[in-house]
Amino acid sequence: MDLRSMSRRNFLTSASALGAASLFGMPQSASADPPPEITRVTIADTPALCFAPQFVAEELLKFEGFSEVEYVKVVDDIPTTLAKSADISMFGGPSIIPAIDKGYPISVIGALHEGCWELFAHEPIRSLQDLVGRRIAIRSLGGVEQIWLSSMLAWVGVDPNTEIKWTTTDYWADRTKSYVDGKVDAFLAFPPEPQRLRRQNVGRVIVNTTQDRPWSQYFCCLLGARNEFIERYPVATKRALRAIMKASDLCSENPDWAAQYLVDKGFEDDYEVALEIIKSLSYSRWRTDNPVDTLRFHSLRLRDAGMIRSTPQQIIERGCNFSFLNELRKELKA
């Protein structure tokens, strides 16, 4: 299903909103904070089902004072969309680092869960080192998949600039098809792609970032916001972040409900696929782990690969604002 073609403006039904809120015992007024300075929030659209809290939060945002939630089409990539048109969005962890390095006016403000990407490869490939000289399908040069894989390859001493044959495709689905058809040797899949491939008994996983170290030790999906939105609307920023963090808790504590929500709202056709994804990820990790560790780890790798010039500390100082997250951890007793 192409989620970009779906209309989401009418998804906020009172019944589902009340259902989500009742799971948290939320009153009509979500907190003692002042009302948001703005009642409209825009979020970058994406087909990644691991972004479940962002979808579920649509209901909770209503209780935070947002009467209008708008999804905007991703242009080029999520960091670029954040810089130009979206207020807030989840994104694949390392992908924001080159954007911060280039001076994009965006900041990391939260974190969700550990790795969810899976690297599929044909025989005889069995390790990252075996990818030298191989064809890897990616949506675009400089996109999230190439950034993710470049960090992974740099970790094992492979130069992603000279030792990999990157093959770009016109659409996200073309990556999967190119791999299944044997036109490329490997590709990095995000939910629900891995789950669907396994159900078809297609392909073989050589790295699962949810389970394999060191990737499983760090956040995969983080949360970013446009600096102008943060500065002009700090109350709205905190309220939007709270809605997504509570939605993340909801996915952790009530995966069956969250999976059914995704199906009911058309984000996924198969309930079992949605449930498998949500149950496989630790959505409560935002309460305990430090997202700075994730940014430092991947910044080191990307600097080694020559993809950024900034040091990890410069990336953290220029592109992070965890003041709202720290407040919410205290408020929500994280």
C-alpha atoms as a PDB file:
ATOM      1  CA  MET A   1       0.000   0.000   0.000  1.00  0.00           C
ATOM      2  CA  ASP A   2       1.320   3.477  -0.917  1.00  0.00           C
ATOM      3  CA  LEU A   3       0.667   5.513   2.203  1.00  0.00           C
ATOM      4  CA  ARG A   4       1.493   8.720   0.353  1.00  0.00           C
ATOM      5  CA  SER A   5      -1.744   8.380  -1.580  1.00  0.00           C
ATOM      6  CA  MET A   6      -3.873   8.141   1.557  1.00  0.00           C
ATOM      7  CA  SER A   7      -5.861  11.030   3.041  1.00  0.00           C
ATOM      8  CA  ARG A   8      -5.211  11.289   6.754  1.00  0.00           C
ATOM      9  CA  ARG A   9      -6.917  14.568   7.532  1.00  0.00           C
ATOM     10  CA  ASN A  10     -10.072  12.754   8.633  1.00  0.00           C
ATOM     11  CA  PHE A  11      -8.418  10.109  10.776  1.00  0.00           C
ATOM     12  CA  LEU A  12      -9.087  11.831  14.088  1.00  0.00           C
ATOM     13  CA  THR A  13     -12.387  10.211  14.979  1.00  0.00           C
ATOM     14  CA  SER A  14     -13.775  10.872  18.438  1.00  0.00           C
ATOM     15  CA  ALA A  15     -14.213   7.174  19.228  1.00  0.00           C
ATOM     16  CA  SER A  16     -10.593   6.211  18.540  1.00  0.00           C
ATOM     17  CA  ALA A  17      -9.290   9.334  20.237  1.00  0.00           C
ATOM     18  CA  LEU A  18     -11.285   8.542  23.357  1.00  0.00           C
ATOM     19  CA  GLY A  19     -10.054   4.959  23.186  1.00  0.00           C
ATOM     20  CA  ALA A  20      -6.411   6.015  23.090  1.00  0.00           C
ATOM     21  CA  ALA A  21      -6.857   8.574  25.834  1.00  0.00           C
ATOM     22  CA  SER A  22      -8.696   6.172  28.109  1.00  0.00           C
ATOM     23  CA  LEU A  23      -5.737   3.805  28.046  1.00  0.00           C
ATOM     24  CA  PHE A  24      -3.709   6.533  29.733  1.00  0.00           C
ATOM     25  CA  GLY A  25      -6.534   7.884  31.865  1.00  0.00           C
ATOM     26  CA  MET A  26      -6.077  11.245  30.156  1.00  0.00           C
ATOM     27  CA  PRO A  27      -8.505  14.055  30.991  1.00  0.00           C
ATOM     28  CA  GLN A  28      -9.682  16.597  28.410  1.00  0.00           C
ATOM     29  CA  SER A  29      -6.826  18.841  29.494  1.00  0.00           C
ATOM     30  CA  ALA A  30      -3.641  16.848  28.967  1.00  0.00           C
ATOM     31  CA  SER A  31      -1.450  18.681  31.476  1.00  0.00           C
ATOM     32  CA  ALA A  32      -0.946  21.780  33.573  1.00  0.00           C
ATOM     33  CA  ASP A  33       1.068  23.402  30.782  1.00  0.00           C
ATOM     34  CA  PRO A  34      -0.361  26.478  29.059  1.00  0.00           C
ATOM     35  CA  PRO A  35      -2.277  25.818  25.825  1.00  0.00           C
ATOM     36  CA  PRO A  36      -0.090  25.410  22.736  1.00  0.00           C
ATOM     37  CA  GLU A  37       0.782  28.672  21.004  1.00  0.00           C
ATOM     38  CA  ILE A  38      -0.429  27.123  17.752  1.00  0.00           C
ATOM     39  CA  THR A  39      -3.112  24.474  17.230  1.00  0.00           C
ATOM     40  CA  ARG A  40      -1.818  23.122  13.930  1.00  0.00           C
ATOM     41  CA  VAL A  41       1.159  20.780  13.650  1.00  0.00           C
ATOM     42  CA  THR A  42       2.697  19.295  10.496  1.00  0.00           C
ATOM     43  CA  ILE A  43       4.446  15.917  10.445  1.00  0.00           C
ATOM     44  CA  ALA A  44       6.580  14.377   7.687  1.00  0.00           C
ATOM     45  CA  ASP A  45       4.739  11.533   5.969  1.00  0.00           C
ATOM     46  CA  THR A  46       6.515   8.170   5.752  1.00  0.00           C
ATOM     47  CA  PRO A  47       5.598   4.536   4.999  1.00  0.00           C
ATOM     48  CA  ALA A  48       7.848   3.121   7.746  1.00  0.00           C
ATOM     49  CA  LEU A  49       5.652   1.068  10.099  1.00  0.00           C
ATOM     50  CA  CYS A  50       8.245   1.227  12.882  1.00  0.00           C
ATOM     51  CA  PHE A  51       7.094   4.866  13.154  1.00  0.00           C
ATOM     52  CA  ALA A  52       3.928   3.532  14.819  1.00  0.00           C
ATOM     53  CA  PRO A  53       4.062   6.046  17.733  1.00  0.00           C
ATOM     54  CA  GLN A  54       3.912   8.896  15.242  1.00  0.00           C
ATOM     55  CA  PHE A  55       0.719   7.427  13.761  1.00  0.00           C
ATOM     56  CA  VAL A  56      -0.867   6.534  17.109  1.00  0.00           C
ATOM     57  CA  ALA A  57       0.003  10.002  18.450  1.00  0.00           C
ATOM     58  CA  GLU A  58      -2.460  11.500  16.008  1.00  0.00           C
ATOM     59  CA  GLU A  59      -5.165  10.684  18.519  1.00  0.00           C
ATOM     60  CA  LEU A  60      -3.238  11.958  21.536  1.00  0.00           C
ATOM     61  CA  LEU A  61      -2.270  15.232  19.836  1.00  0.00           C
ATOM     62  CA  LYS A  62      -5.931  16.189  19.979  1.00  0.00           C
ATOM     63  CA  PHE A  63      -5.808  16.012  23.779  1.00  0.00           C
ATOM     64  CA  GLU A  64      -2.696  18.173  23.745  1.00  0.00           C
ATOM     65  CA  GLY A  65      -4.613  21.022  22.097  1.00  0.00           C
ATOM     66  CA  PHE A  66      -3.864  20.447  18.404  1.00  0.00           C
ATOM     67  CA  SER A  67      -7.067  20.687  16.405  1.00  0.00           C
ATOM     68  CA  GLU A  68      -5.312  20.132  13.059  1.00  0.00           C
ATOM     69  CA  VAL A  69      -2.673  17.487  12.327  1.00  0.00           C
ATOM     70  CA  GLU A  70      -1.328  17.609   8.798  1.00  0.00           C
ATOM     71  CA  TYR A  71       1.007  15.141   7.070  1.00  0.00           C
ATOM     72  CA  VAL A  72       3.320  16.623   4.459  1.00  0.00           C
ATOM     73  CA  LYS A  73       4.965  14.689   1.668  1.00  0.00           C
ATOM     74  CA  VAL A  74       8.625  13.856   2.219  1.00  0.00           C
ATOM     75  CA  VAL A  75      10.747  15.770  -0.296  1.00  0.00           C
ATOM     76  CA  ASP A  76      14.118  14.075  -0.904  1.00  0.00           C
ATOM     77  CA  ASP A  77      14.440  12.929   2.732  1.00  0.00           C
ATOM     78  CA  ILE A  78      12.983  13.588   6.179  1.00  0.00           C
ATOM     79  CA  PRO A  79      15.720  16.018   7.376  1.00  0.00           C
ATOM     80  CA  THR A  80      15.182  18.155   4.257  1.00  0.00           C
ATOM     81  CA  THR A  81      11.413  18.027   4.763  1.00  0.00           C
ATOM     82  CA  LEU A  82      11.840  19.060   8.403  1.00  0.00           C
ATOM     83  CA  ALA A  83      13.995  21.993   7.378  1.00  0.00           C
ATOM     84  CA  LYS A  84      11.511  23.182   4.752  1.00  0.00           C
ATOM     85  CA  SER A  85       7.933  22.276   5.635  1.00  0.00           C
ATOM     86  CA  ALA A  86       7.347  19.878   8.552  1.00  0.00           C
ATOM     87  CA  ASP A  87       7.342  20.902  12.210  1.00  0.00           C
ATOM     88  CA  ILE A  88       8.221  17.574  13.786  1.00  0.00           C
ATOM     89  CA  SER A  89       8.885  14.000  12.667  1.00  0.00           C
ATOM     90  CA  MET A  90      10.449  10.682  13.475  1.00  0.00           C
ATOM     91  CA  PHE A  91      13.445   9.700  11.331  1.00  0.00           C
ATOM     92  CA  GLY A  92      16.075   6.999  10.973  1.00  0.00           C
ATOM     93  CA  GLY A  93      18.784   7.900  13.497  1.00  0.00           C
ATOM     94  CA  PRO A  94      21.982   8.505  11.502  1.00  0.00           C
ATOM     95  CA  SER A  95      20.187  10.250   8.632  1.00  0.00           C
ATOM     96  CA  ILE A  96      19.998  13.589  10.418  1.00  0.00           C
ATOM     97  CA  ILE A  97      23.737  13.786  11.118  1.00  0.00           C
ATOM     98  CA  PRO A  98      24.885  14.899   7.625  1.00  0.00           C
ATOM     99  CA  ALA A  99      22.041  17.443   7.634  1.00  0.00           C
ATOM    100  CA  ILE A 100      23.249  18.906  10.937  1.00  0.00           C
ATOM    101  CA  ASP A 101      26.797  18.872   9.556  1.00  0.00           C
ATOM    102  CA  LYS A 102      25.572  20.974   6.608  1.00  0.00           C
ATOM    103  CA  GLY A 103      23.838  23.466   8.888  1.00  0.00           C
ATOM    104  CA  TYR A 104      20.190  22.496   8.419  1.00  0.00           C
ATOM    105  CA  PRO A 105      17.995  24.416  10.933  1.00  0.00           C
ATOM    106  CA  ILE A 106      16.733  21.260  12.687  1.00  0.00           C
ATOM    107  CA  SER A 107      17.348  19.580  16.034  1.00  0.00           C
ATOM    108  CA  VAL A 108      16.993  16.152  17.582  1.00  0.00           C
ATOM    109  CA  ILE A 109      14.523  16.437  20.460  1.00  0.00           C
ATOM    110  CA  GLY A 110      13.649  12.837  21.351  1.00  0.00           C
ATOM    111  CA  ALA A 111      14.261   9.134  20.839  1.00  0.00           C
ATOM    112  CA  LEU A 112      11.963   6.147  20.408  1.00  0.00           C
ATOM    113  CA  HIS A 113      13.386   2.635  19.997  1.00  0.00           C
ATOM    114  CA  GLU A 114      16.385   0.525  19.001  1.00  0.00           C
ATOM    115  CA  GLY A 115      17.269  -0.607  15.482  1.00  0.00           C
ATOM    116  CA  CYS A 116      14.561  -1.941  13.205  1.00  0.00           C
ATOM    117  CA  TRP A 117      16.424  -2.156   9.883  1.00  0.00           C
ATOM    118  CA  GLU A 118      17.448  -5.537   8.465  1.00  0.00           C
ATOM    119  CA  LEU A 119      20.134  -6.092   5.854  1.00  0.00           C
ATOM    120  CA  PHE A 120      19.139  -8.701   3.270  1.00  0.00           C
ATOM    121  CA  ALA A 121      21.811 -10.287   1.074  1.00  0.00           C
ATOM    122  CA  HIS A 122      22.105 -13.132  -1.425  1.00  0.00           C
ATOM    123  CA  GLU A 123      24.544 -16.010  -1.167  1.00  0.00           C
ATOM    124  CA  PRO A 124      27.476 -16.165  -0.740  1.00  0.00           C
ATOM    125  CA  ILE A 125      27.363 -12.899   1.243  1.00  0.00           C
ATOM    126  CA  ARG A 126      27.367 -13.577   4.990  1.00  0.00           C
ATOM    127  CA  SER A 127      28.891 -10.458   6.552  1.00  0.00           C
ATOM    128  CA  LEU A 128      29.304  -6.730   6.041  1.00  0.00           C
ATOM    129  CA  GLN A 129      32.864  -7.324   4.845  1.00  0.00           C
ATOM    130  CA  ASP A 130      31.506  -9.578   2.088  1.00  0.00           C
ATOM    131  CA  LEU A 131      29.700  -6.580   0.574  1.00  0.00           C
ATOM    132  CA  VAL A 132      32.938  -5.211  -0.907  1.00  0.00           C
ATOM    133  CA  GLY A 133      32.435  -4.879  -4.664  1.00  0.00           C
ATOM    134  CA  ARG A 134      28.752  -5.824  -4.404  1.00  0.00           C
ATOM    135  CA  ARG A 135      25.646  -4.031  -5.688  1.00  0.00           C
ATOM    136  CA  ILE A 136      23.422  -2.533  -2.982  1.00  0.00           C
ATOM    137  CA  ALA A 137      20.006  -1.060  -3.802  1.00  0.00           C
ATOM    138  CA  ILE A 138      19.160   2.303  -2.221  1.00  0.00           C
ATOM    139  CA  ARG A 139      16.403   4.809  -2.855  1.00  0.00           C
ATOM    140  CA  SER A 140      18.816   7.709  -3.391  1.00  0.00           C
ATOM    141  CA  LEU A 141      22.418   8.743  -2.936  1.00  0.00           C
ATOM    142  CA  GLY A 142      22.779  10.507   0.388  1.00  0.00           C
ATOM    143  CA  GLY A 143      19.475   9.058   1.610  1.00  0.00           C
ATOM    144  CA  VAL A 144      18.770   7.298   4.874  1.00  0.00           C
ATOM    145  CA  GLU A 145      19.733   3.821   3.637  1.00  0.00           C
ATOM    146  CA  GLN A 146      23.116   4.882   2.288  1.00  0.00           C
ATOM    147  CA  ILE A 147      23.853   6.833   5.469  1.00  0.00           C
ATOM    148  CA  TRP A 148      22.848   3.881   7.667  1.00  0.00           C
ATOM    149  CA  LEU A 149      24.882   1.415   5.636  1.00  0.00           C
ATOM    150  CA  SER A 150      27.878   3.737   5.415  1.00  0.00           C
ATOM    151  CA  SER A 151      27.991   3.909   9.203  1.00  0.00           C
ATOM    152  CA  MET A 152      27.740   0.118   9.428  1.00  0.00           C
ATOM    153  CA  LEU A 153      30.394  -0.449   6.773  1.00  0.00           C
ATOM    154  CA  ALA A 154      32.796   2.065   8.314  1.00  0.00           C
ATOM    155  CA  TRP A 155      32.479   0.162  11.611  1.00  0.00           C
ATOM    156  CA  VAL A 156      33.984  -2.945   9.987  1.00  0.00           C
ATOM    157  CA  GLY A 157      36.602  -1.078   7.949  1.00  0.00           C
ATOM    158  CA  VAL A 158      34.863  -1.009   4.554  1.00  0.00           C
ATOM    159  CA  ASP A 159      35.007   2.274   2.606  1.00  0.00           C
ATOM    160  CA  PRO A 160      31.436   2.984   1.427  1.00  0.00           C
ATOM    161  CA  ASN A 161      32.693   5.557  -1.067  1.00  0.00           C
ATOM    162  CA  THR A 162      35.014   3.291  -3.048  1.00  0.00           C
ATOM    163  CA  GLU A 163      34.253  -0.335  -2.191  1.00  0.00           C
ATOM    164  CA  ILE A 164      30.476  -0.488  -2.752  1.00  0.00           C
ATOM    165  CA  LYS A 165      28.418  -0.342  -5.967  1.00  0.00           C
ATOM    166  CA  TRP A 166      25.411   1.762  -5.000  1.00  0.00           C
ATOM    167  CA  THR A 167      22.361   1.193  -7.216  1.00  0.00           C
ATOM    168  CA  THR A 168      19.554   3.772  -7.002  1.00  0.00           C
ATOM    169  CA  THR A 169      15.889   3.033  -7.712  1.00  0.00           C
ATOM    170  CA  ASP A 170      12.924   5.220  -8.669  1.00  0.00           C
ATOM    171  CA  TYR A 171      10.622   4.074  -5.877  1.00  0.00           C
ATOM    172  CA  TRP A 172      10.956   2.474  -2.434  1.00  0.00           C
ATOM    173  CA  ALA A 173       9.294  -0.739  -3.634  1.00  0.00           C
ATOM    174  CA  ASP A 174      11.799  -1.032  -6.492  1.00  0.00           C
ATOM    175  CA  ARG A 175      14.561  -1.774  -4.009  1.00  0.00           C
ATOM    176  CA  THR A 176      12.773  -4.897  -2.832  1.00  0.00           C
ATOM    177  CA  LYS A 177      11.950  -5.984  -6.375  1.00  0.00           C
ATOM    178  CA  SER A 178      15.533  -5.468  -7.556  1.00  0.00           C
ATOM    179  CA  TYR A 179      16.740  -7.642  -4.692  1.00  0.00           C
ATOM    180  CA  VAL A 180      14.144 -10.382  -5.206  1.00  0.00           C
ATOM    181  CA  ASP A 181      14.863 -10.416  -8.962  1.00  0.00           C
ATOM    182  CA  GLY A 182      18.610 -10.759  -8.311  1.00  0.00           C
ATOM    183  CA  LYS A 183      19.519  -7.458  -9.949  1.00  0.00           C
ATOM    184  CA  VAL A 184      21.335  -6.370  -6.779  1.00  0.00           C
ATOM    185  CA  ASP A 185      23.170  -8.303  -4.095  1.00  0.00           C
ATOM    186  CA  ALA A 186      21.754  -6.624  -0.988  1.00  0.00           C
ATOM    187  CA  PHE A 187      19.446  -3.957   0.366  1.00  0.00           C
ATOM    188  CA  LEU A 188      18.543  -2.487   3.745  1.00  0.00           C
ATOM    189  CA  ALA A 189      14.874  -3.118   4.554  1.00  0.00           C
ATOM    190  CA  PHE A 190      12.645  -1.279   7.007  1.00  0.00           C
ATOM    191  CA  PRO A 191       9.320  -2.463   8.471  1.00  0.00           C
ATOM    192  CA  PRO A 192       7.098  -3.850   7.056  1.00  0.00           C
ATOM    193  CA  GLU A 193       9.457  -5.044   4.279  1.00  0.00           C
ATOM    194  CA  PRO A 194      11.396  -7.636   6.351  1.00  0.00           C
ATOM    195  CA  GLN A 195       8.222  -9.139   7.774  1.00  0.00           C
ATOM    196  CA  ARG A 196       6.631  -9.518   4.348  1.00  0.00           C
ATOM    197  CA  LEU A 197       9.769 -11.030   2.816  1.00  0.00           C
ATOM    198  CA  ARG A 198       9.968 -13.624   5.577  1.00  0.00           C
ATOM    199  CA  ARG A 199       6.356 -14.589   5.053  1.00  0.00           C
ATOM    200  CA  GLN A 200       7.194 -15.202   1.398  1.00  0.00           C
ATOM    201  CA  ASN A 201      10.361 -17.150   2.329  1.00  0.00           C
ATOM    202  CA  VAL A 202      12.374 -14.699   0.251  1.00  0.00           C
ATOM    203  CA  GLY A 203      15.887 -13.538   1.052  1.00  0.00           C
ATOM    204  CA  ARG A 204      18.282 -13.930   3.935  1.00  0.00           C
ATOM    205  CA  VAL A 205      19.155 -11.475   6.707  1.00  0.00           C
ATOM    206  CA  ILE A 206      22.829 -10.950   7.521  1.00  0.00           C
ATOM    207  CA  VAL A 207      22.352  -8.049   9.971  1.00  0.00           C
ATOM    208  CA  ASN A 208      19.323  -7.408  12.161  1.00  0.00           C
ATOM    209  CA  THR A 209      19.801  -4.082  13.914  1.00  0.00           C
ATOM    210  CA  THR A 210      17.175  -4.961  16.520  1.00  0.00           C
ATOM    211  CA  GLN A 211      19.175  -7.971  17.698  1.00  0.00           C
ATOM    212  CA  ASP A 212      22.791  -7.626  16.538  1.00  0.00           C
ATOM    213  CA  ARG A 213      25.421  -5.608  18.372  1.00  0.00           C
ATOM    214  CA  PRO A 214      26.519  -2.912  18.272  1.00  0.00           C
ATOM    215  CA  TRP A 215      23.442  -1.635  16.390  1.00  0.00           C
ATOM    216  CA  SER A 216      20.957  -2.996  18.918  1.00  0.00           C
ATOM    217  CA  GLN A 217      22.606  -0.900  21.642  1.00  0.00           C
ATOM    218  CA  TYR A 218      21.612   2.370  20.000  1.00  0.00           C
ATOM    219  CA  PHE A 219      18.423   4.114  18.961  1.00  0.00           C
ATOM    220  CA  CYS A 220      17.240   3.583  15.429  1.00  0.00           C
ATOM    221  CA  CYS A 221      14.330   5.999  15.293  1.00  0.00           C
ATOM    222  CA  LEU A 222      14.762   9.445  16.793  1.00  0.00           C
ATOM    223  CA  LEU A 223      12.534  12.506  16.753  1.00  0.00           C
ATOM    224  CA  GLY A 224      13.439  15.847  15.215  1.00  0.00           C
ATOM    225  CA  ALA A 225      11.890  19.281  14.902  1.00  0.00           C
ATOM    226  CA  ARG A 226      12.436  22.457  12.939  1.00  0.00           C
ATOM    227  CA  ASN A 227      14.363  25.020  14.991  1.00  0.00           C
ATOM    228  CA  GLU A 228      11.934  27.824  14.130  1.00  0.00           C
ATOM    229  CA  PHE A 229       9.032  25.749  15.471  1.00  0.00           C
ATOM    230  CA  ILE A 230      10.927  24.999  18.702  1.00  0.00           C
ATOM    231  CA  GLU A 231      11.876  28.628  19.271  1.00  0.00           C
ATOM    232  CA  ARG A 232       8.498  30.192  18.405  1.00  0.00           C
ATOM    233  CA  TYR A 233       6.286  27.527  19.978  1.00  0.00           C
ATOM    234  CA  PRO A 234       8.024  25.905  22.958  1.00  0.00           C
ATOM    235  CA  VAL A 235       4.760  24.839  24.632  1.00  0.00           C
ATOM    236  CA  ALA A 236       3.500  23.298  21.398  1.00  0.00           C
ATOM    237  CA  THR A 237       6.852  21.528  20.965  1.00  0.00           C
ATOM    238  CA  LYS A 238       6.643  20.000  24.429  1.00  0.00           C
ATOM    239  CA  ARG A 239       3.000  18.994  23.979  1.00  0.00           C
ATOM    240  CA  ALA A 240       3.678  17.387  20.579  1.00  0.00           C
ATOM    241  CA  LEU A 241       6.651  15.520  22.003  1.00  0.00           C
ATOM    242  CA  ARG A 242       4.573  14.363  24.981  1.00  0.00           C
ATOM    243  CA  ALA A 243       1.890  12.978  22.664  1.00  0.00           C
ATOM    244  CA  ILE A 244       4.454  10.952  20.729  1.00  0.00           C
ATOM    245  CA  MET A 245       6.212   9.723  23.864  1.00  0.00           C
ATOM    246  CA  LYS A 246       2.882   8.613  25.348  1.00  0.00           C
ATOM    247  CA  ALA A 247       2.054   6.939  22.053  1.00  0.00           C
ATOM    248  CA  SER A 248       5.383   5.142  22.283  1.00  0.00           C
ATOM    249  CA  ASP A 249       4.411   3.908  25.750  1.00  0.00           C
ATOM    250  CA  LEU A 250       1.077   2.806  24.340  1.00  0.00           C
ATOM    251  CA  CYS A 251       2.823   0.718  21.683  1.00  0.00           C
ATOM    252  CA  SER A 252       4.952  -0.868  24.405  1.00  0.00           C
ATOM    253  CA  GLU A 253       2.171  -1.550  26.899  1.00  0.00           C
ATOM    254  CA  ASN A 254      -0.721  -2.287  24.528  1.00  0.00           C
ATOM    255  CA  PRO A 255       0.765  -3.698  21.300  1.00  0.00           C
ATOM    256  CA  ASP A 256      -2.462  -5.474  20.342  1.00  0.00           C
ATOM    257  CA  TRP A 257      -4.432  -2.238  20.530  1.00  0.00           C
ATOM    258  CA  ALA A 258      -1.742  -0.305  18.618  1.00  0.00           C
ATOM    259  CA  ALA A 259      -1.536  -2.968  15.886  1.00  0.00           C
ATOM    260  CA  GLN A 260      -5.303  -2.956  15.458  1.00  0.00           C
ATOM    261  CA  TYR A 261      -5.257   0.829  15.264  1.00  0.00           C
ATOM    262  CA  LEU A 262      -2.724   0.733  12.420  1.00  0.00           C
ATOM    263  CA  VAL A 263      -4.938  -1.725  10.538  1.00  0.00           C
ATOM    264  CA  ASP A 264      -8.166   0.163  11.218  1.00  0.00           C
ATOM    265  CA  LYS A 265      -6.639   3.405   9.971  1.00  0.00           C
ATOM    266  CA  GLY A 266      -5.162   1.823   6.846  1.00  0.00           C
ATOM    267  CA  PHE A 267      -1.491   2.107   7.681  1.00  0.00           C
ATOM    268  CA  GLU A 268      -1.141  -1.675   7.311  1.00  0.00           C
ATOM    269  CA  ASP A 269      -3.378  -4.377   5.818  1.00  0.00           C
ATOM    270  CA  ASP A 270      -2.121  -7.326   7.877  1.00  0.00           C
ATOM    271  CA  TYR A 271      -2.751  -7.254  11.639  1.00  0.00           C
ATOM    272  CA  GLU A 272      -0.171  -9.993  12.312  1.00  0.00           C
ATOM    273  CA  VAL A 273       2.513  -8.019  10.471  1.00  0.00           C
ATOM    274  CA  ALA A 274       1.712  -4.878  12.456  1.00  0.00           C
ATOM    275  CA  LEU A 275       1.703  -6.797  15.739  1.00  0.00           C
ATOM    276  CA  GLU A 276       5.013  -8.502  14.966  1.00  0.00           C
ATOM    277  CA  ILE A 277       6.678  -5.170  14.281  1.00  0.00           C
ATOM    278  CA  ILE A 278       5.368  -3.437  17.388  1.00  0.00           C
ATOM    279  CA  LYS A 279       6.186  -6.376  19.673  1.00  0.00           C
ATOM    280  CA  SER A 280       9.727  -6.654  18.299  1.00  0.00           C
ATOM    281  CA  LEU A 281      10.712  -3.095  19.235  1.00  0.00           C
ATOM    282  CA  SER A 282      11.405  -1.656  22.683  1.00  0.00           C
ATOM    283  CA  TYR A 283       9.254   1.443  22.517  1.00  0.00           C
ATOM    284  CA  SER A 284       9.838   2.183  26.200  1.00  0.00           C
ATOM    285  CA  ARG A 285      13.564   2.753  25.706  1.00  0.00           C
ATOM    286  CA  TRP A 286      13.066   6.497  25.461  1.00  0.00           C
ATOM    287  CA  ARG A 287      12.691   6.434  29.241  1.00  0.00           C
ATOM    288  CA  THR A 288      16.109   4.965  30.025  1.00  0.00           C
ATOM    289  CA  ASP A 289      18.658   5.308  27.209  1.00  0.00           C
ATOM    290  CA  ASN A 290      20.638   8.383  26.215  1.00  0.00           C
ATOM    291  CA  PRO A 291      20.143   9.453  22.574  1.00  0.00           C
ATOM    292  CA  VAL A 292      23.442  11.344  22.721  1.00  0.00           C
ATOM    293  CA  ASP A 293      25.239   7.976  22.713  1.00  0.00           C
ATOM    294  CA  THR A 294      23.543   7.105  19.408  1.00  0.00           C
ATOM    295  CA  LEU A 295      24.497  10.384  17.750  1.00  0.00           C
ATOM    296  CA  ARG A 296      28.074  10.132  19.000  1.00  0.00           C
ATOM    297  CA  PHE A 297      28.451   6.547  17.749  1.00  0.00           C
ATOM    298  CA  HIS A 298      27.154   7.213  14.245  1.00  0.00           C
ATOM    299  CA  SER A 299      28.910  10.582  13.959  1.00  0.00           C
ATOM    300  CA  LEU A 300      32.224   8.848  14.544  1.00  0.00           C
ATOM    301  CA  ARG A 301      31.468   6.267  11.869  1.00  0.00           C
ATOM    302  CA  LEU A 302      30.277   8.842   9.309  1.00  0.00           C
ATOM    303  CA  ARG A 303      33.312  11.013   9.970  1.00  0.00           C
ATOM    304  CA  ASP A 304      35.540   7.993   9.412  1.00  0.00           C
ATOM    305  CA  ALA A 305      33.712   7.433   6.106  1.00  0.00           C
ATOM    306  CA  GLY A 306      34.291  11.049   5.065  1.00  0.00           C
ATOM    307  CA  MET A 307      30.565  11.827   4.964  1.00  0.00           C
ATOM    308  CA  ILE A 308      30.719  14.628   7.556  1.00  0.00           C
ATOM    309  CA  ARG A 309      33.417  17.070   8.657  1.00  0.00           C
ATOM    310  CA  SER A 310      32.099  17.914  12.114  1.00  0.00           C
ATOM    311  CA  THR A 311      33.228  16.103  15.230  1.00  0.00           C
ATOM    312  CA  PRO A 312      30.630  14.140  17.214  1.00  0.00           C
ATOM    313  CA  GLN A 313      30.648  16.836  19.905  1.00  0.00           C
ATOM    314  CA  GLN A 314      29.987  19.544  17.324  1.00  0.00           C
ATOM    315  CA  ILE A 315      27.050  17.547  15.943  1.00  0.00           C
ATOM    316  CA  ILE A 316      25.610  17.165  19.439  1.00  0.00           C
ATOM    317  CA  GLU A 317      26.090  20.844  20.326  1.00  0.00           C
ATOM    318  CA  ARG A 318      24.630  22.143  17.049  1.00  0.00           C
ATOM    319  CA  GLY A 319      21.792  19.716  16.522  1.00  0.00           C
ATOM    320  CA  CYS A 320      20.343  18.559  19.842  1.00  0.00           C
ATOM    321  CA  ASN A 321      17.783  20.005  22.208  1.00  0.00           C
ATOM    322  CA  PHE A 322      16.796  17.501  24.869  1.00  0.00           C
ATOM    323  CA  SER A 323      15.387  19.998  27.381  1.00  0.00           C
ATOM    324  CA  PHE A 324      11.790  18.972  26.591  1.00  0.00           C
ATOM    325  CA  LEU A 325      12.637  15.262  26.745  1.00  0.00           C
ATOM    326  CA  ASN A 326      14.310  15.715  30.136  1.00  0.00           C
ATOM    327  CA  GLU A 327      11.243  17.565  31.430  1.00  0.00           C
ATOM    328  CA  LEU A 328       8.927  14.838  30.208  1.00  0.00           C
ATOM    329  CA  ARG A 329      11.023  12.092  31.778  1.00  0.00           C
ATOM    330  CA  LYS A 330      10.554  13.768  35.141  1.00  0.00           C
ATOM    331  CA  GLU A 331       6.900  14.547  34.528  1.00  0.00           C
ATOM    332  CA  LEU A 332       6.045  11.041  33.319  1.00  0.00           C
ATOM    333  CA  LYS A 333       8.273   9.438  35.969  1.00  0.00           C
ATOM    334  CA  ALA A 334      10.635   7.857  33.479  1.00  0.00           C
END
